[in-house]
Protein backbone atom coordinates (compact mmCIF):
# COMPACT_ATOMS: atom_id res chain seq x y z
CA MET A 1 1.60 -20.49 -6.98
CA ASN A 2 1.00 -24.57 -8.13
CA TYR A 3 -2.65 -25.20 -9.51
CA ALA A 4 -4.23 -28.83 -9.49
CA ASP A 5 -5.70 -28.07 -13.29
CA TYR A 6 -7.81 -25.68 -15.24
CA TYR A 7 -11.11 -26.41 -17.36
CA ASP A 8 -11.15 -24.13 -20.53
CA CYS A 9 -14.70 -25.35 -21.00
CA ASP A 10 -17.38 -25.42 -17.63
CA ILE A 11 -20.57 -25.36 -17.20
CA CYS A 12 -20.74 -26.68 -13.23
CA ASN A 13 -18.34 -24.16 -11.23
CA GLY A 14 -21.19 -21.12 -12.00
CA LYS A 15 -23.62 -19.71 -13.91
CA SER A 16 -23.29 -20.08 -17.79
CA THR A 17 -20.30 -21.37 -19.85
CA GLY A 18 -16.95 -20.40 -18.44
CA MET A 19 -13.76 -21.62 -17.26
CA SER A 20 -12.31 -22.97 -14.06
CA LEU A 21 -8.87 -22.62 -12.37
CA PHE A 22 -8.51 -25.12 -9.49
CA VAL A 23 -5.56 -23.78 -7.23
CA SER A 24 -3.12 -25.80 -5.07
CA GLY A 25 -3.40 -25.39 -1.51
CA CYS A 26 -5.40 -24.99 1.44
CA HIS A 27 -4.92 -25.08 5.65
CA LEU A 28 -9.01 -25.56 6.16
CA HIS A 29 -9.07 -29.22 5.38
CA CYS A 30 -12.95 -29.79 5.28
CA LYS A 31 -13.74 -33.13 6.09
CA GLY A 32 -16.11 -34.62 2.64
CA CYS A 33 -14.06 -31.79 0.54
CA PHE A 34 -14.64 -33.13 -3.09
CA ASN A 35 -10.98 -32.11 -3.50
CA PRO A 36 -8.42 -32.93 -0.98
CA GLU A 37 -5.21 -33.70 -2.99
CA THR A 38 -5.47 -29.82 -3.63
CA TRP A 39 -4.72 -29.20 -0.39
CA ASP A 40 -1.41 -29.61 -0.48
CA PHE A 41 0.70 -26.32 -2.32
CA ASN A 42 3.32 -28.14 -4.27
CA TYR A 43 0.63 -30.69 -5.84
CA GLY A 44 -0.33 -30.10 -9.78
CA LYS A 45 1.45 -27.76 -11.69
CA GLU A 46 3.53 -24.87 -11.71
CA TRP A 47 1.36 -21.82 -12.98
CA THR A 48 3.98 -20.50 -15.29
CA LYS A 49 3.78 -17.45 -17.24
CA SER A 50 3.13 -19.68 -20.63
CA VAL A 51 0.62 -20.96 -18.41
CA LYS A 52 -1.25 -17.94 -17.40
CA ASP A 53 -1.15 -16.23 -20.95
CA ASN A 54 -2.63 -19.52 -22.46
CA PHE A 55 -5.11 -19.65 -19.66
CA ILE A 56 -6.21 -15.15 -20.58
CA ASN A 57 -6.16 -16.14 -25.05
CA LEU A 58 -8.91 -19.18 -24.15
CA ALA A 59 -10.69 -16.85 -21.65
CA GLY A 60 -11.17 -14.74 -24.38
CA ARG A 61 -13.68 -17.09 -26.45
CA ASP A 62 -16.94 -15.15 -27.25
CA TYR A 63 -19.14 -17.97 -24.97
CA ILE A 64 -16.82 -18.15 -21.99
CA LYS A 65 -19.29 -15.92 -19.83
CA ARG A 66 -17.45 -16.39 -16.60
CA ILE A 67 -13.93 -17.53 -14.96
CA SER A 68 -14.25 -19.45 -11.68
CA PHE A 69 -11.37 -19.75 -8.94
CA LEU A 70 -11.53 -22.86 -7.04
CA GLY A 71 -8.91 -24.65 -5.08
CA GLY A 72 -7.48 -25.43 -2.93
CA SER A 73 -7.94 -22.20 -1.30
CA PRO A 74 -7.46 -18.90 -4.14
CA LEU A 75 -7.98 -16.40 -0.56
CA CYS A 76 -5.65 -17.94 0.97
CA ASP A 77 -1.83 -15.95 1.81
CA GLU A 78 0.06 -17.97 -0.40
CA ASN A 79 -1.99 -17.76 -3.25
CA VAL A 80 -3.98 -14.24 -2.93
CA THR A 81 -1.00 -12.96 -4.87
CA ASP A 82 -1.00 -14.65 -8.23
CA VAL A 83 -5.22 -14.70 -8.19
CA ALA A 84 -5.38 -11.12 -7.59
CA LEU A 85 -2.93 -10.62 -10.83
CA ILE A 86 -4.47 -12.97 -12.87
CA ILE A 87 -8.18 -11.22 -12.10
CA GLN A 88 -7.01 -7.82 -12.55
CA GLU A 89 -5.57 -9.01 -16.22
CA LEU A 90 -8.75 -10.94 -17.27
CA LYS A 91 -11.08 -7.88 -15.53
CA TYR A 92 -8.80 -5.02 -17.95
CA ASN A 93 -8.83 -7.71 -21.12
CA TYR A 94 -12.00 -8.54 -20.76
CA PRO A 95 -14.19 -6.36 -18.29
CA ASP A 96 -17.94 -8.36 -19.47
CA LYS A 97 -16.60 -11.25 -18.08
CA GLN A 98 -18.07 -12.82 -14.47
CA ILE A 99 -15.63 -13.62 -12.03
CA TRP A 100 -16.69 -16.31 -9.45
CA VAL A 101 -14.76 -17.12 -6.75
CA TYR A 102 -14.91 -19.80 -4.09
CA THR A 103 -13.28 -19.65 -0.78
CA GLY A 104 -13.75 -21.78 2.63
CA TYR A 105 -13.16 -18.38 4.15
CA LYS A 106 -16.38 -16.48 5.47
CA TRP A 107 -17.25 -12.80 3.59
CA GLU A 108 -16.85 -11.17 7.15
CA ASP A 109 -13.23 -12.71 7.10
CA VAL A 110 -12.48 -12.22 3.11
CA ASN A 111 -13.53 -8.34 3.71
CA GLY A 112 -11.92 -7.63 7.37
CA GLU A 113 -8.44 -8.87 7.95
CA LEU A 114 -8.57 -13.05 7.57
CA THR A 115 -4.90 -12.60 8.58
CA PRO A 116 -2.29 -10.75 9.81
CA ASN A 117 -0.47 -10.53 6.59
CA LYS A 118 -0.89 -6.46 5.61
CA MET A 119 -0.31 -7.47 1.57
CA ALA A 120 -2.54 -10.54 1.48
CA ASN A 121 -5.47 -8.40 3.08
CA ASP A 122 -4.64 -5.90 0.70
CA TYR A 123 -4.97 -8.26 -2.28
CA ARG A 124 -8.12 -10.59 -0.91
CA HIS A 125 -9.86 -6.93 -1.11
CA GLU A 126 -8.47 -5.50 -4.76
CA ILE A 127 -9.74 -9.22 -5.45
CA LEU A 128 -13.28 -8.29 -4.06
CA SER A 129 -13.24 -5.22 -6.26
CA TYR A 130 -12.84 -7.04 -9.00
CA ILE A 131 -15.18 -10.22 -8.92
CA ASP A 132 -18.70 -10.61 -8.95
CA VAL A 133 -19.77 -13.58 -7.09
CA LEU A 134 -17.89 -15.45 -3.85
CA VAL A 135 -19.24 -18.55 -2.45
CA ASP A 136 -18.23 -18.19 0.70
CA GLY A 137 -17.82 -21.20 3.96
CA PRO A 138 -16.07 -23.72 4.76
CA PHE A 139 -17.89 -27.29 3.08
CA GLU A 140 -19.75 -28.79 6.47
CA TYR A 141 -20.05 -32.83 5.73
CA ASP A 142 -22.85 -32.43 8.17
CA LYS A 143 -24.74 -29.67 6.34
CA LYS A 144 -24.10 -31.31 2.40
CA ASP A 145 -26.66 -30.79 -0.38
CA LEU A 146 -26.82 -32.37 -3.34
CA THR A 147 -29.28 -30.56 -4.52
CA LEU A 148 -27.94 -26.98 -3.96
CA ALA A 149 -26.49 -24.68 -7.34
CA PHE A 150 -22.88 -23.88 -7.18
CA ARG A 151 -22.05 -24.68 -3.51
CA GLY A 152 -21.64 -28.41 -1.53
CA SER A 153 -23.37 -27.40 1.76
CA THR A 154 -26.03 -25.32 3.47
CA ASN A 155 -23.93 -23.16 5.75
CA GLN A 156 -22.13 -21.59 2.57
CA ARG A 157 -23.19 -18.94 0.30
CA ILE A 158 -23.28 -17.48 -2.91
CA ILE A 159 -22.90 -13.56 -2.75
CA ASP A 160 -23.76 -10.89 -4.75
CA VAL A 161 -20.24 -8.74 -4.41
CA LYS A 162 -20.64 -5.47 -6.08
CA GLN A 163 -24.00 -5.36 -4.42
CA THR A 164 -22.85 -5.93 -1.17
CA LEU A 165 -19.75 -4.04 -1.26
CA LYS A 166 -22.43 -1.34 -2.63
CA SER A 167 -24.84 -1.49 0.77
CA GLY A 168 -22.68 -2.19 3.04
CA GLU A 169 -24.52 -5.92 3.81
CA VAL A 170 -24.08 -9.24 2.09
CA VAL A 171 -26.22 -9.69 -0.58
CA LEU A 172 -27.33 -12.93 -2.11
CA TYR A 173 -26.52 -13.55 -5.59
CA LYS A 174 -29.41 -13.50 -7.45
CA ASP A 175 -29.66 -15.32 -10.98
CA GLU A 176 -31.88 -13.27 -13.06
CA ASP A 177 -32.03 -16.23 -15.73
């Protein structure tokens, strides 16, 4: 997997002070995407063990409350295995940190069989079992709204994953603070 960048201190891509990892590669190519350079799977730098170890270590700082995965597309077949392993290690080491994932795919597809690749679907399901928030849906230029928190267009949802898995119906995230 390649990554475009990561922010080791970020207040924009989720609630609270956090970190954000922008993976490379996306098949959706949404019109008006704020990060079109990340569509290319070869863009950026290689995600190596030393980069991962540094990222995991930085996530342990007390003031980091959230880690977000964006892109590109963290849940596409080409990235989902590496992303699942990173999230698994983060949750093992820091169970109280919130994990947010941004995807152009809809919840219903991610929670189902998004592609014919069974292994990728299994990793997506594993990711859902670990994360707290999923921001779903493609960016739709005609629904762009700069006043929205944590998303770019009105069709995108901020989903409370734990409550959604528990209830079997999509439950939107509510910021209690």
